[in-house]
Protein backbone atom coordinates (compact mmCIF):
# COMPACT_ATOMS: atom_id res chain seq x y z
CA MET A 1 -73.22 -81.05 41.88
CA LYS A 2 -72.48 -82.54 45.27
CA THR A 3 -73.40 -80.91 48.54
CA ARG A 4 -70.09 -79.58 49.80
CA THR A 5 -68.60 -78.88 53.17
CA ALA A 6 -65.73 -76.49 53.66
CA PRO A 7 -62.29 -78.07 54.16
CA ALA A 8 -60.92 -78.07 57.70
CA ALA A 9 -58.60 -75.19 56.91
CA ALA A 10 -61.38 -73.09 55.39
CA LEU A 11 -61.03 -69.37 55.62
CA SER A 12 -63.16 -67.20 57.86
CA ALA A 13 -66.16 -65.30 56.68
CA ALA A 14 -63.90 -62.33 56.16
CA VAL A 15 -62.74 -63.81 52.86
CA LEU A 16 -64.36 -61.87 50.07
CA ALA A 17 -65.97 -63.67 47.17
CA LEU A 18 -63.90 -63.45 44.02
CA PRO A 19 -65.15 -63.40 40.44
CA ALA A 20 -65.69 -66.80 38.83
CA CYS A 21 -63.01 -68.10 36.47
CA GLY A 22 -63.44 -69.01 32.85
CA ASP A 23 -65.17 -67.27 29.93
CA ALA A 24 -68.54 -68.72 28.96
CA GLY A 25 -68.11 -67.42 25.46
CA GLU A 26 -71.53 -65.78 25.55
CA SER A 27 -70.28 -62.83 23.54
CA GLY A 28 -69.64 -65.11 20.59
CA GLY A 29 -65.90 -65.34 21.15
CA PRO A 30 -63.95 -68.46 22.04
CA VAL A 31 -64.33 -70.22 25.36
CA THR A 32 -61.35 -69.50 27.61
CA LEU A 33 -60.17 -72.09 30.11
CA GLU A 34 -57.93 -71.03 32.96
CA PHE A 35 -55.17 -73.55 33.63
CA GLN A 36 -53.40 -73.01 36.96
CA SER A 37 -50.00 -74.59 36.40
CA LEU A 38 -47.45 -75.29 39.14
CA SER A 39 -44.57 -76.08 36.79
CA ASP A 40 -41.57 -74.21 38.17
CA GLN A 41 -38.57 -75.57 36.26
CA PRO A 42 -37.66 -73.55 33.13
CA ALA A 43 -37.72 -76.58 30.84
CA ALA A 44 -41.05 -77.78 32.25
CA ILE A 45 -42.56 -74.31 31.93
CA GLU A 46 -41.44 -74.22 28.31
CA ALA A 47 -42.87 -77.68 27.65
CA THR A 48 -46.21 -76.74 29.23
CA GLU A 49 -46.39 -73.55 27.20
CA SER A 50 -45.59 -75.50 24.03
CA ILE A 51 -48.38 -78.03 24.67
CA VAL A 52 -50.90 -75.27 25.39
CA ALA A 53 -49.83 -73.29 22.32
CA SER A 54 -50.32 -76.31 20.06
CA TRP A 55 -53.78 -76.90 21.56
CA ASN A 56 -54.76 -73.26 21.09
CA GLU A 57 -53.63 -73.29 17.47
CA ALA A 58 -55.70 -76.41 16.73
CA ASN A 59 -58.74 -75.33 18.77
CA PRO A 60 -59.63 -71.69 18.04
CA ASP A 61 -63.02 -72.05 19.79
CA VAL A 62 -61.52 -73.29 23.08
CA GLN A 63 -58.50 -71.34 24.20
CA VAL A 64 -56.42 -72.28 27.27
CA GLU A 65 -54.79 -69.56 29.34
CA ILE A 66 -51.95 -70.55 31.67
CA VAL A 67 -52.09 -69.01 35.14
CA PRO A 68 -48.67 -69.60 36.76
CA ALA A 69 -48.67 -70.53 40.45
CA GLY A 70 -45.88 -71.96 42.61
CA TRP A 71 -46.05 -75.06 44.79
CA GLU A 72 -45.42 -73.07 47.95
CA GLY A 73 -48.70 -72.12 49.59
CA ILE A 74 -50.84 -73.66 46.87
CA HIS A 75 -53.01 -75.65 49.29
CA ASP A 76 -54.20 -72.51 51.10
CA LYS A 77 -54.57 -70.71 47.80
CA LEU A 78 -56.88 -73.43 46.50
CA ILE A 79 -58.98 -73.23 49.67
CA THR A 80 -59.36 -69.50 49.05
CA GLN A 81 -60.25 -70.07 45.41
CA PHE A 82 -62.80 -72.80 46.10
CA ASN A 83 -64.46 -70.88 48.94
CA GLY A 84 -64.57 -67.71 46.88
CA GLY A 85 -65.93 -69.37 43.73
CA ALA A 86 -62.76 -68.39 41.89
CA ALA A 87 -61.03 -71.71 41.26
CA PRO A 88 -59.50 -72.08 37.80
CA ASP A 89 -61.13 -74.47 35.35
CA ILE A 90 -58.06 -76.75 35.32
CA ILE A 91 -56.09 -77.41 38.49
CA HIS A 92 -52.53 -78.74 38.62
CA TYR A 93 -51.69 -80.46 41.93
CA GLU A 94 -50.82 -83.89 43.35
CA ALA A 95 -52.97 -86.85 44.32
CA ALA A 96 -52.09 -86.81 48.03
CA GLU A 97 -53.49 -83.31 48.43
CA LEU A 98 -56.48 -83.67 46.10
CA VAL A 99 -58.45 -86.34 47.92
CA PRO A 100 -59.87 -84.04 50.66
CA PHE A 101 -60.95 -81.53 48.02
CA ALA A 102 -62.64 -84.32 46.07
CA ARG A 103 -64.46 -85.61 49.14
CA ASP A 104 -65.62 -82.07 49.92
CA GLY A 105 -67.16 -81.92 46.43
CA TYR A 106 -64.88 -79.37 44.80
CA LEU A 107 -63.65 -81.49 41.88
CA ALA A 108 -65.58 -82.67 38.83
CA ASP A 109 -66.06 -86.40 38.28
CA LEU A 110 -64.16 -87.12 35.06
CA SER A 111 -65.22 -90.78 34.80
CA GLU A 112 -67.47 -90.20 31.78
CA HIS A 113 -64.95 -87.95 30.09
CA MET A 114 -61.80 -90.07 30.35
CA SER A 115 -61.54 -92.13 27.17
CA GLU A 116 -61.10 -95.89 27.29
CA ASP A 117 -57.72 -95.51 25.57
CA ALA A 118 -56.55 -93.04 28.22
CA ARG A 119 -57.80 -95.24 31.06
CA ALA A 120 -56.12 -98.35 29.63
CA ASP A 121 -52.82 -96.48 29.33
CA ILE A 122 -52.63 -95.69 33.07
CA PRO A 123 -51.20 -98.43 35.34
CA ASP A 124 -53.65 -99.72 37.94
CA GLY A 125 -51.74 -98.36 40.94
CA VAL A 126 -51.61 -94.90 39.38
CA GLN A 127 -55.28 -95.00 38.36
CA ASP A 128 -56.17 -95.93 41.94
CA ALA A 129 -54.39 -92.80 43.16
CA VAL A 130 -56.77 -90.55 41.21
CA THR A 131 -59.99 -92.47 41.92
CA VAL A 132 -62.00 -91.48 45.00
CA ASP A 133 -65.21 -93.27 45.94
CA GLY A 134 -65.47 -94.62 42.41
CA GLU A 135 -65.01 -91.22 40.75
CA VAL A 136 -62.02 -90.23 38.61
CA ILE A 137 -60.96 -86.90 40.08
CA ALA A 138 -57.91 -86.20 37.91
CA TYR A 139 -55.69 -87.20 35.04
CA PRO A 140 -52.26 -88.27 36.34
CA THR A 141 -49.31 -86.69 34.58
CA GLU A 142 -45.94 -87.10 36.32
CA LEU A 143 -44.47 -89.45 38.90
CA GLN A 144 -41.37 -89.66 41.03
CA SER A 145 -39.65 -92.57 42.72
CA TYR A 146 -36.90 -92.67 45.33
CA VAL A 147 -33.58 -93.75 43.86
CA VAL A 148 -29.92 -93.87 44.82
CA PHE A 149 -27.49 -91.51 43.09
CA ALA A 150 -23.88 -92.66 43.38
CA ASN A 151 -20.37 -91.37 42.72
CA ARG A 152 -19.03 -94.15 40.53
CA GLY A 153 -15.40 -93.27 41.20
CA MET A 154 -15.81 -93.33 44.99
CA LEU A 155 -17.48 -96.74 44.83
CA GLU A 156 -14.78 -98.18 42.61
CA ASP A 157 -11.98 -96.70 44.74
CA ALA A 158 -13.49 -98.50 47.74
CA GLY A 159 -13.61 -101.78 45.86
CA VAL A 160 -17.40 -101.70 45.57
CA GLU A 161 -18.75 -103.14 42.35
CA VAL A 162 -21.30 -100.74 40.88
CA PRO A 163 -24.64 -102.64 40.80
CA ASP A 164 -26.04 -103.11 37.33
CA GLY A 165 -28.87 -105.61 37.76
CA ASP A 166 -32.60 -105.01 37.50
CA THR A 167 -32.72 -104.16 41.22
CA MET A 168 -30.39 -103.88 44.20
CA THR A 169 -31.22 -104.93 47.74
CA TRP A 170 -31.22 -102.70 50.78
CA GLN A 171 -28.55 -104.99 52.23
CA GLU A 172 -26.35 -104.29 49.20
CA LEU A 173 -26.86 -100.57 49.77
CA ARG A 174 -25.96 -100.95 53.45
CA GLU A 175 -22.78 -102.86 52.60
CA ALA A 176 -21.76 -100.38 49.90
CA ALA A 177 -22.34 -97.48 52.32
CA ALA A 178 -20.19 -99.15 54.98
CA ASP A 179 -17.41 -99.96 52.51
CA THR A 180 -17.21 -96.36 51.29
CA THR A 181 -17.16 -94.87 54.80
CA THR A 182 -13.71 -93.86 56.00
CA GLY A 183 -12.45 -90.91 58.03
CA ASP A 184 -14.48 -87.82 57.15
CA GLN A 185 -16.05 -89.56 54.17
CA HIS A 186 -19.45 -91.27 54.52
CA GLY A 187 -21.05 -93.79 52.25
CA LEU A 188 -24.52 -92.27 52.24
CA GLY A 189 -26.36 -89.00 52.70
CA TRP A 190 -30.14 -88.90 53.01
CA GLY A 191 -32.04 -85.69 53.54
CA LEU A 192 -34.64 -86.76 56.10
CA SER A 193 -35.73 -83.50 57.70
CA SER A 194 -39.25 -84.51 56.60
CA PRO A 195 -38.97 -88.30 56.65
CA THR A 196 -42.61 -89.43 56.65
CA ALA A 197 -43.18 -89.37 52.89
CA ALA A 198 -40.03 -91.37 52.17
CA PHE A 199 -40.62 -93.94 54.89
CA MET A 200 -44.24 -94.49 53.90
CA SER A 201 -43.59 -94.46 50.16
CA MET A 202 -40.84 -97.09 50.44
CA ALA A 203 -42.53 -99.25 53.10
CA PRO A 204 -44.19 -101.63 50.57
CA ALA A 205 -40.74 -103.09 49.78
CA PHE A 206 -40.75 -104.38 53.36
CA GLY A 207 -44.43 -105.39 53.36
CA GLY A 208 -45.55 -102.23 55.12
CA ASP A 209 -48.97 -100.71 54.41
CA PHE A 210 -49.59 -98.60 57.53
CA PHE A 211 -53.33 -98.24 56.94
CA GLU A 212 -56.22 -100.66 56.58
CA GLY A 213 -59.50 -99.24 55.30
CA THR A 214 -60.28 -95.81 53.91
CA GLY A 215 -61.84 -92.54 54.92
CA ALA A 216 -62.86 -92.17 58.55
CA ASP A 217 -62.86 -95.95 59.03
CA ALA A 218 -59.12 -96.42 58.42
CA ASP A 219 -56.99 -98.05 61.09
CA LEU A 220 -53.24 -97.57 61.55
CA ALA A 221 -51.09 -100.64 62.16
CA VAL A 222 -47.35 -100.20 62.73
CA GLY A 223 -45.74 -103.63 62.52
CA GLU A 224 -42.45 -105.08 61.31
CA GLY A 225 -42.99 -103.96 57.72
CA GLU A 226 -43.71 -100.38 58.74
CA MET A 227 -40.77 -100.22 61.18
CA ALA A 228 -38.18 -101.94 58.96
CA LEU A 229 -36.94 -98.92 57.02
CA PRO A 230 -36.63 -96.38 59.86
CA GLU A 231 -34.88 -99.03 61.93
CA LEU A 232 -32.49 -99.79 59.06
CA VAL A 233 -31.70 -96.09 58.63
CA GLY A 234 -31.11 -95.78 62.37
CA THR A 235 -28.76 -98.77 62.30
CA MET A 236 -26.79 -97.40 59.34
CA ALA A 237 -26.55 -93.96 60.94
CA HIS A 238 -25.73 -94.87 64.53
CA GLU A 239 -24.21 -98.36 64.45
CA ASP A 240 -22.54 -98.56 61.04
CA GLY A 241 -21.74 -94.83 61.05
CA SER A 242 -22.19 -94.87 57.28
CA ILE A 243 -24.73 -92.01 56.96
CA LEU A 244 -23.44 -88.44 57.21
CA PRO A 245 -25.24 -87.31 60.40
CA VAL A 246 -26.03 -83.75 59.33
CA THR A 247 -28.00 -84.99 56.32
CA LEU A 248 -30.62 -86.54 58.60
CA THR A 249 -31.66 -82.99 59.50
CA GLN A 250 -31.45 -81.61 55.95
CA ASP A 251 -33.81 -81.73 53.02
CA GLY A 252 -32.92 -83.48 49.78
CA ALA A 253 -31.61 -80.40 48.03
CA GLU A 254 -29.27 -79.55 50.90
CA THR A 255 -27.86 -83.08 50.82
CA LEU A 256 -26.69 -82.61 47.25
CA ALA A 257 -23.90 -80.27 48.39
CA PRO A 258 -21.91 -83.00 50.22
CA PHE A 259 -22.54 -85.29 47.25
CA TYR A 260 -20.97 -82.74 44.91
CA SER A 261 -18.01 -82.20 47.25
CA GLU A 262 -17.47 -85.98 47.63
CA GLU A 263 -18.16 -86.03 51.35
CA ILE A 264 -20.65 -88.81 50.59
CA ALA A 265 -20.51 -91.52 47.95
CA MET A 266 -24.27 -91.98 47.55
CA THR A 267 -27.51 -90.17 48.27
CA VAL A 268 -31.15 -91.27 48.29
CA GLN A 269 -33.25 -88.69 46.46
CA GLY A 270 -36.46 -88.23 44.53
CA SER A 271 -35.82 -89.19 40.91
CA PHE A 272 -36.51 -85.62 39.80
CA GLN A 273 -33.15 -84.59 41.26
CA ALA A 274 -31.50 -86.07 38.17
CA ALA A 275 -32.11 -82.78 36.38
CA ASN A 276 -30.54 -80.73 39.19
CA ILE A 277 -27.53 -83.03 39.43
CA ALA A 278 -27.02 -82.91 35.67
CA ALA A 279 -27.14 -79.11 35.77
CA ASP A 280 -25.24 -78.39 38.99
CA ALA A 281 -22.76 -81.20 39.66
CA PRO A 282 -19.06 -80.54 38.97
CA ASP A 283 -18.09 -81.52 35.45
CA ASP A 284 -15.69 -84.16 36.70
CA LEU A 285 -18.24 -85.88 38.97
CA ASP A 286 -18.89 -89.32 37.49
CA TRP A 287 -22.37 -90.01 38.85
CA VAL A 288 -24.80 -92.80 38.15
CA VAL A 289 -28.31 -93.85 39.20
CA LEU A 290 -28.25 -97.27 40.88
CA PRO A 291 -30.95 -99.89 40.20
CA PRO A 292 -34.27 -99.66 42.06
CA LEU A 293 -34.05 -100.68 45.71
CA GLU A 294 -35.61 -104.02 46.60
CA GLY A 295 -36.74 -105.14 50.03
CA PRO A 296 -37.96 -108.55 51.25
CA ALA A 297 -41.35 -107.90 49.59
CA GLY A 298 -39.87 -106.62 46.31
CA PRO A 299 -39.03 -103.19 44.83
CA ALA A 300 -42.48 -101.61 45.22
CA GLN A 301 -43.00 -97.96 46.14
CA THR A 302 -46.23 -95.99 46.37
CA ALA A 303 -47.47 -93.68 43.65
CA ASN A 304 -48.37 -90.05 44.32
CA PRO A 305 -48.72 -88.57 40.83
CA GLN A 306 -48.93 -84.96 39.85
CA THR A 307 -52.40 -84.41 38.47
CA LEU A 308 -54.75 -82.25 36.44
CA SER A 309 -58.30 -81.83 37.76
CA VAL A 310 -61.33 -79.77 36.82
CA ASP A 311 -63.26 -77.45 39.14
CA VAL A 312 -66.74 -78.87 39.68
CA ASP A 313 -68.20 -75.37 39.21
CA SER A 314 -66.47 -74.78 35.89
CA GLU A 315 -68.92 -73.90 33.14
CA HIS A 316 -66.77 -75.92 30.76
CA VAL A 317 -66.09 -79.30 32.32
CA GLU A 318 -66.40 -81.12 29.00
CA GLU A 319 -64.03 -78.77 27.18
CA SER A 320 -61.59 -78.95 30.09
CA ALA A 321 -61.64 -82.74 29.96
CA GLU A 322 -60.99 -82.66 26.23
CA PHE A 323 -57.92 -80.52 26.89
CA LEU A 324 -56.74 -82.98 29.56
CA GLU A 325 -57.05 -85.82 27.05
CA TYR A 326 -54.83 -83.80 24.73
CA PHE A 327 -52.37 -82.72 27.41
CA THR A 328 -51.85 -86.31 28.57
CA SER A 329 -51.39 -87.77 25.10
CA THR A 330 -48.29 -89.90 24.61
CA GLU A 331 -46.16 -87.30 22.87
CA ASN A 332 -47.08 -84.47 25.23
CA LEU A 333 -46.53 -86.42 28.46
CA ALA A 334 -43.18 -87.70 27.18
CA GLU A 335 -42.11 -84.14 26.36
CA LEU A 336 -43.23 -82.77 29.74
CA ASN A 337 -41.64 -85.52 31.83
CA GLU A 338 -38.34 -85.35 29.99
CA ALA A 339 -38.29 -81.61 30.66
CA ASP A 340 -39.13 -82.14 34.35
CA SER A 341 -36.91 -85.23 34.82
CA LEU A 342 -39.93 -87.16 36.03
CA ILE A 343 -41.61 -90.42 35.07
CA PRO A 344 -44.68 -90.37 32.81
CA ALA A 345 -47.92 -91.59 34.38
CA THR A 346 -48.87 -93.58 31.27
CA GLU A 347 -47.31 -96.69 29.79
CA SER A 348 -47.16 -95.31 26.25
CA ALA A 349 -45.41 -92.08 27.28
CA ARG A 350 -42.89 -94.05 29.33
CA GLU A 351 -42.14 -96.22 26.31
CA ALA A 352 -41.87 -93.15 24.07
CA MET A 353 -39.40 -91.52 26.44
CA GLY A 354 -37.34 -94.69 26.57
CA ALA A 355 -37.21 -94.81 22.79
CA SER A 356 -36.30 -91.15 22.34
CA LEU A 357 -33.60 -91.30 25.01
CA GLY A 358 -32.35 -94.66 23.76
CA GLY A 359 -29.22 -95.83 25.50
CA ASP A 360 -29.14 -93.14 28.18
CA GLU A 361 -28.13 -95.11 31.27
CA THR A 362 -29.61 -92.64 33.75
CA TRP A 363 -32.99 -92.44 32.09
CA GLU A 364 -33.22 -96.18 31.56
CA THR A 365 -32.87 -96.70 35.31
CA LEU A 366 -35.26 -93.89 36.25
CA LEU A 367 -37.95 -95.12 33.90
CA GLU A 368 -37.48 -98.68 35.14
CA SER A 369 -38.07 -97.49 38.71
CA GLY A 370 -41.48 -96.25 37.64
CA GLU A 371 -42.56 -99.79 36.82
CA HIS A 372 -42.63 -100.64 40.52
CA LEU A 373 -45.08 -97.94 41.65
CA GLU A 374 -48.33 -99.11 43.22
CA SER A 375 -51.39 -97.69 44.94
CA SER A 376 -50.91 -95.56 48.06
CA PRO A 377 -53.30 -96.56 50.87
CA PHE A 378 -52.61 -93.40 52.87
CA LEU A 379 -53.98 -91.16 50.11
CA PHE A 380 -57.53 -92.11 51.03
CA VAL A 381 -57.34 -91.86 54.80
CA ASP A 382 -59.13 -89.05 56.62
CA GLY A 383 -56.78 -87.38 59.07
CA TYR A 384 -53.63 -88.57 57.33
CA ALA A 385 -52.29 -85.10 56.54
CA GLN A 386 -52.78 -83.92 60.13
CA TRP A 387 -51.22 -87.08 61.56
CA LYS A 388 -48.28 -86.81 59.19
CA GLU A 389 -47.46 -83.23 60.18
CA THR A 390 -48.24 -83.26 63.90
CA VAL A 391 -47.37 -86.84 64.88
CA ALA A 392 -45.35 -88.88 62.39
CA THR A 393 -42.76 -86.34 61.22
CA PRO A 394 -41.70 -85.14 64.71
CA ALA A 395 -41.70 -88.76 65.98
CA TYR A 396 -39.46 -89.93 63.15
CA GLN A 397 -37.18 -86.93 63.70
CA ARG A 398 -36.80 -87.80 67.39
CA PHE A 399 -36.09 -91.43 66.53
CA LEU A 400 -33.37 -90.51 64.02
CA ALA A 401 -31.86 -88.18 66.66
CA GLN A 402 -31.86 -91.11 69.14
CA GLU A 403 -34.19 -89.29 71.50
CA ILE A 404 -36.63 -92.24 71.43
CA ASP A 405 -36.15 -95.92 70.59
CA ALA A 406 -38.05 -98.10 68.12
CA ASP A 407 -40.70 -99.19 70.62
CA GLU A 408 -41.34 -95.59 71.63
CA LEU A 409 -41.54 -94.59 67.97
CA ARG A 410 -44.17 -97.24 67.30
CA ASP A 411 -46.15 -96.17 70.37
CA GLU A 412 -46.05 -92.50 69.37
CA LEU A 413 -47.23 -93.26 65.83
CA GLU A 414 -50.13 -95.42 67.00
CA SER A 415 -51.24 -93.34 69.99
CA GLY A 416 -50.91 -90.17 67.94
CA TRP A 417 -53.21 -91.67 65.30
CA GLU A 418 -55.81 -92.47 67.96
CA GLN A 419 -55.66 -88.88 69.22
CA THR A 420 -55.87 -87.50 65.68
CA THR A 421 -59.00 -89.50 64.92
CA GLU A 422 -60.86 -89.06 68.23
């Protein structure tokens, strides 16, 4: 086991040690693995329970017990669990938040446990997202991309041809948004109350990387590629007048309301919102997912998969890894991602979903968007999370509110990074 240092947000000495998780099976009974699951959608919960039940039926000597936990507050909860020696055997989270825990030595290296078939089934960019300092710290499970949901009728009424190619350009989106803006109706709504993730995830389409290097040696560079998307959004909002202003201060879920009421013709959202739109949109709303957005450098976006890791102090790392191999099998990942309206992290599960949903226009487009996901440089940068919350997000918010201009935005991002890493 590695020598570990407490994460920056570690709790004070007042935190009491908690009992260790997992049953060693010393009494002769089956080994019990605790699986802390963050699934919070009814269909995804049901799918997770189904996968675990089938494992338990086939493996009487290694039983998996689901411990439900919500996404809200999970980072602090994991800090408490790790510091108290009470982390579950199997940990559901996301790559962007796992890297610091891995570097602090809290996650088992799964390199020797991940089968060659499993490794070959994971696209390179996704595999990179779960590999830290040469160690595989997790099995990736689910992915999201940013896509455009559109009201087909509103586009057609404005004389806009609904795009149906393999991709659509940002310029095509801008023109469609302008053409569908009239009176109190706006062409686009984009919930950008927390804009950093979207701007950084979609920057590769414009040639933007933000960071060079990894760990404590990473440097931030904010050039044309990194500035292109926020500047485009600012132009659409304040010059074209095609973005509903209030949505710039809302989150994605809040922006769905004006989409349902036809105040906006289109909205940029995480692909997972397809499930919410299907469930909540008015029956007469004719909505469609537009092709993946393409910038000057292509349609690439960064990958930040949901993941399953193993506590380094688990007494049953090997058994936990065997369960992860089972959980991420083609059939199981396809079932889970369909339930969660997300994109499978493996090629075979993506193909299986496409086959089972054959002909579904929405799913065909969503799954196609997953083909353009690549490695995320910012996942492996020390200080990124702090910079994102204390520097980048408020700076982007001020820029979108026209309180600072593009040059001031660039200066704040770069000088804020220097202060963060001093």
